Amino acid sequence: LADIRSGALLHDVGKIAVDPDVQNKPGKLTEEEYAHIMIHTQVGPSIVKPIANNNILDMIRYHHTRFDGQAKGQTMSGAQLPLAVRIITLADSFDAMTSKRPYRDAFPMEKAVTEILRCSGTQFDPQVVEAFMKIPESEIQSIIKQE
């Protein structure tokens, strides 16, 4: 649990290497801009390597992977992905959906949950989705409000 907490806090540390104009672009990203943003998954582990263990480095490196292995350049899928990575992937996606972004408003919680359910087995590990769905709505709402 301590590693998951650290991985959750550090997963996007590599974004310090991303051009803020691209990161905060209000419109749709080009393929080149998206590729530029994704460098944060390679830069991040090198930043925290002196102070983090391999579990945390994997969470930073792989938090944009898909359970079905269909992300660009992805080499692992399913149970090959560490459980902590699968948890961080869902949590990060939920946070992204329920947060206001330069290019869109935050999704209502119901829409975010519908999207998570729709992507179970493709983007997300079905067992992690099942566990997420057991979290009381009131607890999720309080987490969203803290941000």
Protein backbone atom coordinates (compact mmCIF):
# COMPACT_ATOMS: atom_id res chain seq x y z
CA LEU A 1 0.00 0.00 0.00
CA ALA A 2 2.86 2.39 0.72
CA ASP A 3 4.23 1.78 -2.78
CA ILE A 4 0.81 2.41 -4.36
CA ARG A 5 0.49 5.65 -2.41
CA SER A 6 3.95 6.76 -3.56
CA GLY A 7 3.26 5.66 -7.13
CA ALA A 8 -0.01 7.57 -7.13
CA LEU A 9 1.70 10.72 -5.90
CA LEU A 10 4.65 10.43 -8.31
CA HIS A 11 3.12 8.89 -11.46
CA ASP A 12 3.10 12.18 -13.41
CA VAL A 13 6.40 13.63 -12.14
CA GLY A 14 7.83 13.33 -15.67
CA LYS A 15 5.42 16.03 -16.85
CA ILE A 16 8.00 18.59 -15.75
CA ALA A 17 9.71 17.68 -19.05
CA VAL A 18 6.56 18.38 -21.08
CA ASP A 19 6.08 21.70 -22.85
CA PRO A 20 3.40 23.56 -20.84
CA ASP A 21 1.86 24.95 -24.04
CA VAL A 22 1.22 21.40 -25.24
CA GLN A 23 0.15 20.14 -21.83
CA ASN A 24 -2.35 22.99 -21.42
CA LYS A 25 -3.55 23.14 -25.00
CA PRO A 26 -7.29 23.83 -25.02
CA GLY A 27 -8.00 21.83 -28.19
CA LYS A 28 -7.40 18.35 -29.50
CA LEU A 29 -3.75 17.26 -29.56
CA THR A 30 -1.98 16.28 -32.75
CA GLU A 31 -0.24 12.89 -32.88
CA GLU A 32 3.09 14.64 -32.36
CA GLU A 33 1.78 16.58 -29.35
CA TYR A 34 0.35 13.43 -27.80
CA ALA A 35 3.68 11.62 -28.32
CA HIS A 36 5.44 14.57 -26.67
CA ILE A 37 3.17 14.39 -23.61
CA MET A 38 3.74 10.67 -23.31
CA ILE A 39 7.47 11.20 -22.74
CA HIS A 40 6.55 11.78 -19.12
CA THR A 41 6.29 8.01 -18.65
CA GLN A 42 9.94 7.59 -19.67
CA VAL A 43 11.32 10.70 -17.97
CA GLY A 44 9.50 10.16 -14.66
CA PRO A 45 11.26 6.95 -13.60
CA SER A 46 14.68 8.46 -14.24
CA ILE A 47 13.81 11.44 -12.01
CA VAL A 48 12.78 9.36 -8.99
CA LYS A 49 15.05 6.33 -9.48
CA PRO A 50 17.47 7.42 -6.73
CA ILE A 51 14.68 7.42 -4.13
CA ALA A 52 12.10 4.90 -5.43
CA ASN A 53 11.92 1.12 -5.66
CA ASN A 54 11.10 -0.85 -8.81
CA ASN A 55 7.39 -1.13 -7.92
CA ILE A 56 7.06 2.64 -7.88
CA LEU A 57 9.15 3.02 -11.04
CA ASP A 58 6.84 0.55 -12.82
CA MET A 59 3.76 2.53 -11.77
CA ILE A 60 5.29 5.68 -13.22
CA ARG A 61 6.52 3.96 -16.39
CA TYR A 62 3.38 1.95 -17.19
CA HIS A 63 0.42 3.96 -15.86
CA HIS A 64 -0.80 4.62 -19.43
CA THR A 65 -0.79 0.97 -20.43
CA ARG A 66 -3.98 -0.84 -21.27
CA PHE A 67 -5.10 -4.14 -19.80
CA ASP A 68 -5.66 -5.52 -23.32
CA GLY A 69 -2.16 -4.50 -24.45
CA GLN A 70 -3.43 -2.19 -27.21
CA ALA A 71 -1.62 1.03 -26.24
CA LYS A 72 0.95 2.23 -28.76
CA GLY A 73 4.30 0.53 -28.09
CA GLN A 74 2.93 -1.54 -25.22
CA THR A 75 4.76 -4.82 -24.59
CA MET A 76 2.81 -6.21 -21.60
CA SER A 77 -0.84 -6.90 -20.98
CA GLY A 78 -3.24 -8.50 -18.53
CA ALA A 79 -1.66 -10.19 -15.53
CA GLN A 80 1.82 -9.35 -16.87
CA LEU A 81 1.16 -5.81 -15.69
CA PRO A 82 1.82 -5.45 -11.97
CA LEU A 83 -1.40 -5.12 -9.95
CA ALA A 84 -0.28 -1.72 -8.65
CA VAL A 85 0.02 -0.48 -12.25
CA ARG A 86 -3.49 -1.71 -13.03
CA ILE A 87 -4.83 0.09 -9.95
CA ILE A 88 -3.00 3.36 -10.73
CA THR A 89 -4.20 3.22 -14.35
CA LEU A 90 -7.85 3.14 -13.29
CA ALA A 91 -7.41 5.72 -10.52
CA ASP A 92 -5.53 8.11 -12.83
CA SER A 93 -8.18 7.76 -15.53
CA PHE A 94 -11.00 8.35 -13.06
CA ASP A 95 -9.21 11.43 -11.74
CA ALA A 96 -8.65 12.70 -15.28
CA MET A 97 -12.30 12.22 -16.16
CA THR A 98 -13.63 13.91 -13.02
CA SER A 99 -11.22 16.87 -13.19
CA LYS A 100 -11.65 20.03 -15.26
CA ARG A 101 -9.15 20.15 -18.11
CA PRO A 102 -8.18 22.99 -20.47
CA TYR A 103 -10.00 21.19 -23.28
CA ARG A 104 -13.18 20.08 -21.42
CA ASP A 105 -15.19 20.30 -18.23
CA ALA A 106 -15.06 17.57 -15.60
CA PHE A 107 -17.33 14.59 -16.21
CA PRO A 108 -20.12 14.02 -13.71
CA MET A 109 -19.28 11.00 -11.57
CA GLU A 110 -22.00 8.90 -13.23
CA LYS A 111 -20.48 9.47 -16.67
CA ALA A 112 -16.98 8.59 -15.41
CA VAL A 113 -18.25 5.38 -13.82
CA THR A 114 -20.09 4.46 -17.04
CA GLU A 115 -16.85 4.97 -18.97
CA ILE A 116 -14.88 2.81 -16.54
CA LEU A 117 -17.46 0.04 -16.87
CA ARG A 118 -17.41 0.35 -20.66
CA CYS A 119 -13.61 0.00 -20.70
CA SER A 120 -13.46 -2.97 -18.33
CA GLY A 121 -11.43 -5.69 -20.03
CA THR A 122 -9.92 -3.32 -22.58
CA GLN A 123 -8.33 -0.30 -20.90
CA PHE A 124 -8.91 -1.54 -17.34
CA ASP A 125 -8.45 -4.82 -15.49
CA PRO A 126 -11.96 -6.20 -14.84
CA GLN A 127 -10.99 -7.24 -11.29
CA VAL A 128 -9.79 -3.72 -10.50
CA VAL A 129 -13.02 -2.31 -11.96
CA GLU A 130 -15.02 -4.73 -9.81
CA ALA A 131 -13.15 -3.60 -6.69
CA PHE A 132 -13.59 0.07 -7.66
CA MET A 133 -17.33 -0.44 -8.02
CA LYS A 134 -17.51 -1.62 -4.39
CA ILE A 135 -16.32 1.76 -3.11
CA PRO A 136 -19.32 3.63 -1.68
CA GLU A 137 -20.38 6.58 -3.85
CA SER A 138 -20.22 8.91 -0.85
CA GLU A 139 -16.55 8.04 -0.35
CA ILE A 140 -15.75 8.70 -4.01
CA GLN A 141 -17.65 12.01 -3.89
CA SER A 142 -15.64 13.13 -0.85
CA ILE A 143 -12.39 12.32 -2.64
CA ILE A 144 -13.47 14.32 -5.71
CA LYS A 145 -14.41 17.32 -3.54
CA GLN A 146 -10.99 17.32 -1.82
CA GLU A 147 -9.26 18.00 -5.13
